């Protein structure tokens, strides 16, 4: 199969899907660790004037980082599913063309 000038085989598509799945797991793990660290930081600064000031200044940024990690993990999971479908379709097409010759 050729796409944008690059040739892909069934095994290459399968490896890409596996890599996307691995990256999704890594990013999801990073998101989980980030949320735990963010929660620990919130607890550490407390609910006094300093803590409230800190979260007013940095809370939105930290929330955006968490959201970004979550979105990236979701996008990688979706890409892995797409690559698996393409791989199956490619293999089915390859099998069909082999049977006809």
N, C-alpha and C. Protein backbone atom coordinates (compact mmCIF):
# COMPACT_ATOMS: atom_id res chain seq x y z
N UNK A 1 0.85 -1.17 0.00
CA UNK A 1 0.00 0.00 0.00
C UNK A 1 0.90 1.23 0.00
N UNK A 2 0.49 2.25 -0.72
CA UNK A 2 1.25 3.49 -0.76
C UNK A 2 0.36 4.64 -0.33
N UNK A 3 0.91 5.51 0.52
CA UNK A 3 0.17 6.68 1.00
C UNK A 3 1.15 7.84 1.12
N UNK A 4 0.83 8.93 0.47
CA UNK A 4 1.69 10.12 0.48
C UNK A 4 3.14 9.79 0.11
N UNK A 5 3.30 8.91 -0.84
CA UNK A 5 4.63 8.58 -1.33
C UNK A 5 5.38 7.57 -0.49
N UNK A 6 4.78 7.08 0.61
CA UNK A 6 5.45 6.08 1.45
C UNK A 6 4.74 4.74 1.28
N UNK A 7 5.52 3.69 1.14
CA UNK A 7 4.95 2.35 0.99
C UNK A 7 4.87 1.67 2.35
N UNK A 8 3.72 1.07 2.62
CA UNK A 8 3.49 0.37 3.89
C UNK A 8 3.11 -1.07 3.61
N UNK A 9 3.63 -1.97 4.41
CA UNK A 9 3.23 -3.37 4.33
C UNK A 9 2.30 -3.67 5.51
N UNK A 10 1.68 -4.82 5.48
CA UNK A 10 0.80 -5.24 6.57
C UNK A 10 1.57 -5.24 7.89
N UNK A 11 2.78 -5.79 7.89
CA UNK A 11 3.56 -5.86 9.13
C UNK A 11 3.96 -4.46 9.61
N UNK A 12 4.24 -3.55 8.68
CA UNK A 12 4.59 -2.18 9.05
C UNK A 12 3.40 -1.49 9.71
N UNK A 13 2.21 -1.67 9.14
CA UNK A 13 1.00 -1.09 9.72
C UNK A 13 0.74 -1.67 11.11
N UNK A 14 0.98 -2.96 11.26
CA UNK A 14 0.79 -3.61 12.56
C UNK A 14 1.78 -3.03 13.59
N UNK A 15 3.03 -2.83 13.19
CA UNK A 15 4.02 -2.23 14.09
C UNK A 15 3.65 -0.81 14.45
N UNK A 16 3.14 -0.05 13.48
CA UNK A 16 2.70 1.32 13.78
C UNK A 16 1.55 1.32 14.78
N UNK A 17 0.61 0.40 14.61
CA UNK A 17 -0.51 0.30 15.55
C UNK A 17 -0.02 -0.06 16.94
N UNK A 18 0.91 -0.99 17.02
CA UNK A 18 1.47 -1.37 18.32
C UNK A 18 2.21 -0.21 18.96
N UNK A 19 2.94 0.54 18.17
CA UNK A 19 3.66 1.70 18.71
C UNK A 19 2.69 2.77 19.21
N UNK A 20 1.62 3.01 18.45
CA UNK A 20 0.61 3.99 18.88
C UNK A 20 -0.04 3.54 20.18
N UNK A 21 -0.31 2.24 20.29
CA UNK A 21 -0.91 1.71 21.52
C UNK A 21 0.06 1.88 22.69
N UNK A 22 1.33 1.61 22.46
CA UNK A 22 2.33 1.79 23.51
C UNK A 22 2.45 3.24 23.95
N UNK A 23 2.47 4.14 22.98
CA UNK A 23 2.55 5.56 23.32
C UNK A 23 1.30 6.02 24.07
N UNK A 24 0.14 5.51 23.67
CA UNK A 24 -1.10 5.86 24.37
C UNK A 24 -1.02 5.43 25.82
N UNK A 25 -0.50 4.23 26.06
CA UNK A 25 -0.34 3.75 27.43
C UNK A 25 0.64 4.60 28.22
N UNK A 26 1.75 4.98 27.59
CA UNK A 26 2.74 5.82 28.26
C UNK A 26 2.15 7.19 28.61
N UNK A 27 1.44 7.79 27.66
CA UNK A 27 0.86 9.11 27.90
C UNK A 27 -0.23 9.03 28.96
N UNK A 28 -1.02 7.97 28.90
CA UNK A 28 -2.06 7.78 29.90
C UNK A 28 -1.44 7.63 31.29
N UNK A 29 -0.35 6.89 31.37
CA UNK A 29 0.37 6.75 32.63
C UNK A 29 0.92 8.08 33.12
N UNK A 30 1.46 8.86 32.19
CA UNK A 30 1.97 10.18 32.55
C UNK A 30 0.84 11.08 33.05
N UNK A 31 -0.33 10.97 32.42
CA UNK A 31 -1.49 11.75 32.86
C UNK A 31 -1.89 11.36 34.28
N UNK A 32 -1.92 10.07 34.55
CA UNK A 32 -2.28 9.59 35.89
C UNK A 32 -1.27 10.09 36.93
N UNK A 33 0.01 9.99 36.61
CA UNK A 33 1.04 10.47 37.53
C UNK A 33 0.96 11.99 37.70
N UNK A 34 0.69 12.70 36.62
CA UNK A 34 0.57 14.15 36.70
C UNK A 34 -0.59 14.54 37.62
N UNK A 35 -1.73 13.86 37.46
CA UNK A 35 -2.88 14.17 38.31
C UNK A 35 -2.57 13.90 39.78
N UNK A 36 -1.87 12.81 40.05
CA UNK A 36 -1.49 12.49 41.44
C UNK A 36 -0.54 13.55 41.99
N UNK A 37 0.44 13.96 41.19
CA UNK A 37 1.39 14.98 41.62
C UNK A 37 0.71 16.33 41.83
N UNK A 38 -0.19 16.64 40.92
CA UNK A 38 -0.93 17.90 41.04
C UNK A 38 -1.77 17.91 42.32
N UNK A 39 -2.41 16.79 42.60
CA UNK A 39 -3.20 16.69 43.84
C UNK A 39 -2.33 16.80 45.07
N UNK A 40 -1.14 16.17 45.02
CA UNK A 40 -0.21 16.26 46.15
C UNK A 40 0.29 17.69 46.33
N UNK A 41 0.55 18.38 45.23
CA UNK A 41 0.99 19.78 45.32
C UNK A 41 -0.10 20.65 45.93
N UNK A 42 -1.34 20.40 45.52
CA UNK A 42 -2.46 21.17 46.08
C UNK A 42 -2.55 20.96 47.58
N UNK A 43 -2.41 19.72 48.01
CA UNK A 43 -2.46 19.42 49.44
C UNK A 43 -1.27 20.05 50.17
N UNK A 44 -0.11 20.04 49.52
CA UNK A 44 1.10 20.56 50.16
C UNK A 44 1.05 22.07 50.37
N UNK A 45 0.48 22.81 49.42
CA UNK A 45 0.45 24.27 49.58
C UNK A 45 -0.67 24.71 50.52
N UNK A 46 -1.62 23.82 50.74
CA UNK A 46 -2.66 24.10 51.73
C UNK A 46 -3.74 25.03 51.22
N UNK A 47 -4.61 25.40 52.14
CA UNK A 47 -5.76 26.25 51.81
C UNK A 47 -5.66 27.60 52.50
N UNK A 48 -4.44 28.03 52.75
CA UNK A 48 -4.26 29.36 53.34
C UNK A 48 -4.13 30.39 52.22
N UNK A 49 -3.78 31.60 52.56
CA UNK A 49 -3.65 32.66 51.55
C UNK A 49 -2.63 32.29 50.48
N UNK A 50 -1.49 31.72 50.89
CA UNK A 50 -0.47 31.33 49.93
C UNK A 50 -1.01 30.27 48.97
N UNK A 51 -1.66 29.26 49.51
CA UNK A 51 -2.19 28.18 48.69
C UNK A 51 -3.21 28.67 47.68
N UNK A 52 -4.13 29.51 48.14
CA UNK A 52 -5.14 30.05 47.22
C UNK A 52 -4.51 30.91 46.15
N UNK A 53 -3.52 31.72 46.54
CA UNK A 53 -2.82 32.57 45.56
C UNK A 53 -2.07 31.72 44.54
N UNK A 54 -1.43 30.67 45.02
CA UNK A 54 -0.69 29.78 44.13
C UNK A 54 -1.63 29.16 43.10
N UNK A 55 -2.78 28.65 43.55
CA UNK A 55 -3.69 27.99 42.62
C UNK A 55 -4.39 28.98 41.70
N UNK A 56 -4.56 30.21 42.15
CA UNK A 56 -5.11 31.22 41.24
C UNK A 56 -4.11 31.51 40.12
N UNK A 57 -2.83 31.51 40.46
CA UNK A 57 -1.79 31.81 39.47
C UNK A 57 -1.46 30.62 38.59
N UNK A 58 -1.50 29.41 39.12
CA UNK A 58 -1.01 28.24 38.39
C UNK A 58 -2.06 27.16 38.13
N UNK A 59 -3.19 27.25 38.77
CA UNK A 59 -4.19 26.20 38.66
C UNK A 59 -4.67 25.96 37.24
N UNK A 60 -4.97 27.02 36.51
CA UNK A 60 -5.46 26.86 35.13
C UNK A 60 -4.41 26.21 34.24
N UNK A 61 -3.17 26.61 34.42
CA UNK A 61 -2.09 26.02 33.62
C UNK A 61 -1.96 24.53 33.91
N UNK A 62 -1.99 24.17 35.18
CA UNK A 62 -1.89 22.76 35.54
C UNK A 62 -3.09 21.97 35.03
N UNK A 63 -4.26 22.55 35.09
CA UNK A 63 -5.46 21.90 34.56
C UNK A 63 -5.33 21.69 33.05
N UNK A 64 -4.81 22.70 32.36
CA UNK A 64 -4.63 22.60 30.91
C UNK A 64 -3.62 21.51 30.54
N UNK A 65 -2.56 21.36 31.33
CA UNK A 65 -1.58 20.31 31.09
C UNK A 65 -2.25 18.95 31.24
N UNK A 66 -3.03 18.78 32.29
CA UNK A 66 -3.75 17.52 32.51
C UNK A 66 -4.71 17.21 31.38
N UNK A 67 -5.43 18.23 30.94
CA UNK A 67 -6.36 18.05 29.82
C UNK A 67 -5.62 17.68 28.54
N UNK A 68 -4.49 18.33 28.30
CA UNK A 68 -3.69 18.04 27.12
C UNK A 68 -3.18 16.61 27.12
N UNK A 69 -2.70 16.14 28.25
CA UNK A 69 -2.24 14.75 28.35
C UNK A 69 -3.38 13.77 28.09
N UNK A 70 -4.54 14.08 28.64
CA UNK A 70 -5.70 13.21 28.44
C UNK A 70 -6.11 13.19 26.96
N UNK A 71 -6.14 14.35 26.32
CA UNK A 71 -6.50 14.42 24.90
C UNK A 71 -5.48 13.68 24.03
N UNK A 72 -4.22 13.82 24.36
CA UNK A 72 -3.18 13.14 23.59
C UNK A 72 -3.31 11.63 23.73
N UNK A 73 -3.55 11.15 24.93
CA UNK A 73 -3.73 9.70 25.13
C UNK A 73 -4.93 9.20 24.34
N UNK A 74 -6.03 9.93 24.37
CA UNK A 74 -7.23 9.54 23.63
C UNK A 74 -6.97 9.52 22.12
N UNK A 75 -6.28 10.54 21.62
CA UNK A 75 -5.97 10.61 20.19
C UNK A 75 -5.08 9.44 19.77
N UNK A 76 -4.11 9.08 20.60
CA UNK A 76 -3.24 7.95 20.27
C UNK A 76 -4.02 6.64 20.28
N UNK A 77 -4.94 6.48 21.22
CA UNK A 77 -5.76 5.28 21.25
C UNK A 77 -6.63 5.19 20.00
N UNK A 78 -7.20 6.30 19.58
CA UNK A 78 -8.02 6.31 18.37
C UNK A 78 -7.17 6.01 17.13
N UNK A 79 -5.97 6.55 17.10
CA UNK A 79 -5.07 6.29 15.97
C UNK A 79 -4.70 4.81 15.92
N UNK A 80 -4.47 4.21 17.07
CA UNK A 80 -4.15 2.78 17.11
C UNK A 80 -5.30 1.97 16.54
N UNK A 81 -6.54 2.32 16.89
CA UNK A 81 -7.70 1.62 16.36
C UNK A 81 -7.79 1.78 14.84
N UNK A 82 -7.53 2.96 14.35
CA UNK A 82 -7.57 3.21 12.90
C UNK A 82 -6.51 2.37 12.19
N UNK A 83 -5.31 2.36 12.76
CA UNK A 83 -4.23 1.59 12.14
C UNK A 83 -4.54 0.09 12.15
N UNK A 84 -5.17 -0.39 13.20
CA UNK A 84 -5.57 -1.80 13.23
C UNK A 84 -6.59 -2.09 12.13
N UNK A 85 -7.56 -1.19 11.95
CA UNK A 85 -8.56 -1.39 10.89
C UNK A 85 -7.90 -1.37 9.51
N UNK A 86 -7.00 -0.42 9.30
CA UNK A 86 -6.31 -0.32 8.01
C UNK A 86 -5.49 -1.58 7.78
N UNK A 87 -4.83 -2.06 8.82
CA UNK A 87 -4.02 -3.26 8.69
C UNK A 87 -4.88 -4.47 8.31
N UNK A 88 -6.03 -4.61 8.95
CA UNK A 88 -6.94 -5.72 8.62
C UNK A 88 -7.47 -5.60 7.20
N UNK A 89 -7.83 -4.39 6.80
CA UNK A 89 -8.34 -4.16 5.45
C UNK A 89 -7.25 -4.45 4.42
N UNK A 90 -6.03 -4.00 4.72
CA UNK A 90 -4.90 -4.24 3.82
C UNK A 90 -4.65 -5.73 3.68
N UNK A 91 -4.64 -6.45 4.81
CA UNK A 91 -4.40 -7.89 4.77
C UNK A 91 -5.51 -8.60 4.00
N UNK A 92 -6.76 -8.20 4.22
CA UNK A 92 -7.87 -8.82 3.50
C UNK A 92 -7.73 -8.58 2.00
N UNK A 93 -7.35 -7.37 1.61
CA UNK A 93 -7.13 -7.06 0.20
C UNK A 93 -5.98 -7.85 -0.38
N UNK A 94 -4.93 -7.98 0.40
CA UNK A 94 -3.76 -8.75 -0.02
C UNK A 94 -4.14 -10.23 -0.19
N UNK A 95 -4.91 -10.75 0.77
CA UNK A 95 -5.36 -12.15 0.68
C UNK A 95 -6.27 -12.36 -0.52
N UNK A 96 -7.16 -11.41 -0.77
CA UNK A 96 -8.08 -11.53 -1.89
C UNK A 96 -7.33 -11.51 -3.22
N UNK A 97 -6.34 -10.65 -3.32
CA UNK A 97 -5.60 -10.58 -4.58
C UNK A 97 -4.73 -11.81 -4.77
N UNK A 98 -4.27 -12.42 -3.70
CA UNK A 98 -3.48 -13.64 -3.79
C UNK A 98 -4.34 -14.81 -4.24
N UNK A 99 -5.57 -14.84 -3.77
CA UNK A 99 -6.46 -15.94 -4.14
C UNK A 99 -6.85 -15.88 -5.61
N UNK A 100 -6.90 -14.71 -6.19
CA UNK A 100 -7.33 -14.56 -7.57
C UNK A 100 -6.26 -14.93 -8.58
N UNK A 101 -5.01 -14.87 -8.21
CA UNK A 101 -3.95 -15.14 -9.18
C UNK A 101 -3.64 -16.59 -9.32
